[in-house]
Amino acid sequence: MTIRLPGGRTTIHYKHETVSAPHCPRCGRTLQGIPRLTPSKLSGLSASQKRLERMYGGHLCHICLRELLKRAARGAPT
């Protein structure tokens, strides 16, 4: 955004983007262990820093994952 100053000069003010935390699609809880970064800064991280190493890491929270694993072990439809 260009701002005009009282002396006649113009300067650029950069707007800092606020990033919300990633959420679980099933229950809406915030996902733990994933950094709150903009996509451009997130692309600079290694794969192990972007997401968790478990199944559905970075997508489902640990509680929803536990429920899905229980259902799969019991043979119930998802």
C-alpha atoms as a PDB file:
ATOM      1  CA  MET A   1       0.000   0.000   0.000  1.00  0.00           C
ATOM      2  CA  THR A   2       1.442   3.382  -0.977  1.00  0.00           C
ATOM      3  CA  ILE A   3       1.206   6.130   1.656  1.00  0.00           C
ATOM      4  CA  ARG A   4       1.725   9.803   0.925  1.00  0.00           C
ATOM      5  CA  LEU A   5       3.696  11.638   3.621  1.00  0.00           C
ATOM      6  CA  PRO A   6       3.314  15.317   4.623  1.00  0.00           C
ATOM      7  CA  GLY A   7       6.539  16.346   2.866  1.00  0.00           C
ATOM      8  CA  GLY A   8       5.268  15.066  -0.468  1.00  0.00           C
ATOM      9  CA  ARG A   9       7.217  11.820  -0.441  1.00  0.00           C
ATOM     10  CA  THR A  10       5.514   8.488  -0.930  1.00  0.00           C
ATOM     11  CA  THR A  11       6.454   5.330   0.918  1.00  0.00           C
ATOM     12  CA  ILE A  12       5.309   1.726   0.861  1.00  0.00           C
ATOM     13  CA  HIS A  13       3.661   0.165   3.907  1.00  0.00           C
ATOM     14  CA  TYR A  14       3.507  -3.610   3.844  1.00  0.00           C
ATOM     15  CA  LYS A  15       0.457  -5.290   5.298  1.00  0.00           C
ATOM     16  CA  HIS A  16       1.367  -8.257   7.493  1.00  0.00           C
ATOM     17  CA  GLU A  17      -0.944 -11.174   6.914  1.00  0.00           C
ATOM     18  CA  THR A  18      -2.460 -12.777  10.011  1.00  0.00           C
ATOM     19  CA  VAL A  19      -2.622 -16.536   9.738  1.00  0.00           C
ATOM     20  CA  SER A  20      -5.170 -18.675  11.536  1.00  0.00           C
ATOM     21  CA  ALA A  21      -4.180 -22.029  12.952  1.00  0.00           C
ATOM     22  CA  PRO A  22      -5.052 -25.148  10.922  1.00  0.00           C
ATOM     23  CA  HIS A  23      -8.168 -26.985  12.113  1.00  0.00           C
ATOM     24  CA  CYS A  24      -9.418 -30.554  12.072  1.00  0.00           C
ATOM     25  CA  PRO A  25     -12.152 -30.979   9.423  1.00  0.00           C
ATOM     26  CA  ARG A  26     -14.187 -33.395  11.575  1.00  0.00           C
ATOM     27  CA  CYS A  27     -14.372 -31.620  14.925  1.00  0.00           C
ATOM     28  CA  GLY A  28     -12.886 -28.162  14.360  1.00  0.00           C
ATOM     29  CA  ARG A  29     -10.121 -28.394  16.980  1.00  0.00           C
ATOM     30  CA  THR A  30      -6.862 -26.626  16.232  1.00  0.00           C
ATOM     31  CA  LEU A  31      -4.134 -29.003  15.127  1.00  0.00           C
ATOM     32  CA  GLN A  32      -1.161 -29.170  17.456  1.00  0.00           C
ATOM     33  CA  GLY A  33       2.406 -29.382  16.180  1.00  0.00           C
ATOM     34  CA  ILE A  34       1.861 -27.449  12.952  1.00  0.00           C
ATOM     35  CA  PRO A  35       3.319 -23.927  12.706  1.00  0.00           C
ATOM     36  CA  ARG A  36       1.111 -20.905  12.053  1.00  0.00           C
ATOM     37  CA  LEU A  37       2.931 -19.510   9.049  1.00  0.00           C
ATOM     38  CA  THR A  38       1.975 -17.964   5.738  1.00  0.00           C
ATOM     39  CA  PRO A  39       2.140 -20.344   2.768  1.00  0.00           C
ATOM     40  CA  SER A  40       5.256 -18.633   1.417  1.00  0.00           C
ATOM     41  CA  LYS A  41       7.131 -19.126   4.707  1.00  0.00           C
ATOM     42  CA  LEU A  42       5.724 -22.637   5.146  1.00  0.00           C
ATOM     43  CA  SER A  43       7.240 -23.667   1.810  1.00  0.00           C
ATOM     44  CA  GLY A  44      10.714 -22.973   3.217  1.00  0.00           C
ATOM     45  CA  LEU A  45      10.348 -25.582   5.964  1.00  0.00           C
ATOM     46  CA  SER A  46      11.265 -29.226   5.619  1.00  0.00           C
ATOM     47  CA  ALA A  47       8.497 -31.807   5.290  1.00  0.00           C
ATOM     48  CA  SER A  48       8.952 -33.038   8.863  1.00  0.00           C
ATOM     49  CA  GLN A  49       8.450 -29.502  10.206  1.00  0.00           C
ATOM     50  CA  LYS A  50       5.269 -28.893   8.187  1.00  0.00           C
ATOM     51  CA  ARG A  51       3.264 -31.840   9.463  1.00  0.00           C
ATOM     52  CA  LEU A  52       3.230 -34.642  11.999  1.00  0.00           C
ATOM     53  CA  GLU A  53       4.645 -38.059  11.173  1.00  0.00           C
ATOM     54  CA  ARG A  54       1.603 -40.106  12.173  1.00  0.00           C
ATOM     55  CA  MET A  55      -1.232 -41.211   9.907  1.00  0.00           C
ATOM     56  CA  TYR A  56      -3.345 -38.269   8.765  1.00  0.00           C
ATOM     57  CA  GLY A  57      -0.766 -36.009  10.426  1.00  0.00           C
ATOM     58  CA  GLY A  58      -1.571 -32.386   9.715  1.00  0.00           C
ATOM     59  CA  HIS A  59      -5.099 -33.244   8.633  1.00  0.00           C
ATOM     60  CA  LEU A  60      -6.941 -34.894  11.544  1.00  0.00           C
ATOM     61  CA  CYS A  61      -6.512 -34.197  15.240  1.00  0.00           C
ATOM     62  CA  HIS A  62      -5.334 -36.990  17.521  1.00  0.00           C
ATOM     63  CA  ILE A  63      -8.775 -37.561  19.048  1.00  0.00           C
ATOM     64  CA  CYS A  64     -10.534 -37.999  15.688  1.00  0.00           C
ATOM     65  CA  LEU A  65      -7.723 -40.266  14.506  1.00  0.00           C
ATOM     66  CA  ARG A  66      -8.141 -42.437  17.593  1.00  0.00           C
ATOM     67  CA  GLU A  67     -11.898 -42.759  16.902  1.00  0.00           C
ATOM     68  CA  LEU A  68     -11.279 -43.710  13.261  1.00  0.00           C
ATOM     69  CA  LEU A  69      -8.716 -46.343  14.257  1.00  0.00           C
ATOM     70  CA  LYS A  70     -11.131 -47.828  16.802  1.00  0.00           C
ATOM     71  CA  ARG A  71     -13.852 -48.033  14.155  1.00  0.00           C
ATOM     72  CA  ALA A  72     -11.509 -49.663  11.659  1.00  0.00           C
ATOM     73  CA  ALA A  73     -10.331 -52.226  14.237  1.00  0.00           C
ATOM     74  CA  ARG A  74     -13.920 -53.110  15.156  1.00  0.00           C
ATOM     75  CA  GLY A  75     -14.882 -53.501  11.510  1.00  0.00           C
ATOM     76  CA  ALA A  76     -17.561 -50.813  11.564  1.00  0.00           C
ATOM     77  CA  PRO A  77     -18.184 -48.750   8.424  1.00  0.00           C
ATOM     78  CA  THR A  78     -16.630 -45.273   8.506  1.00  0.00           C
END
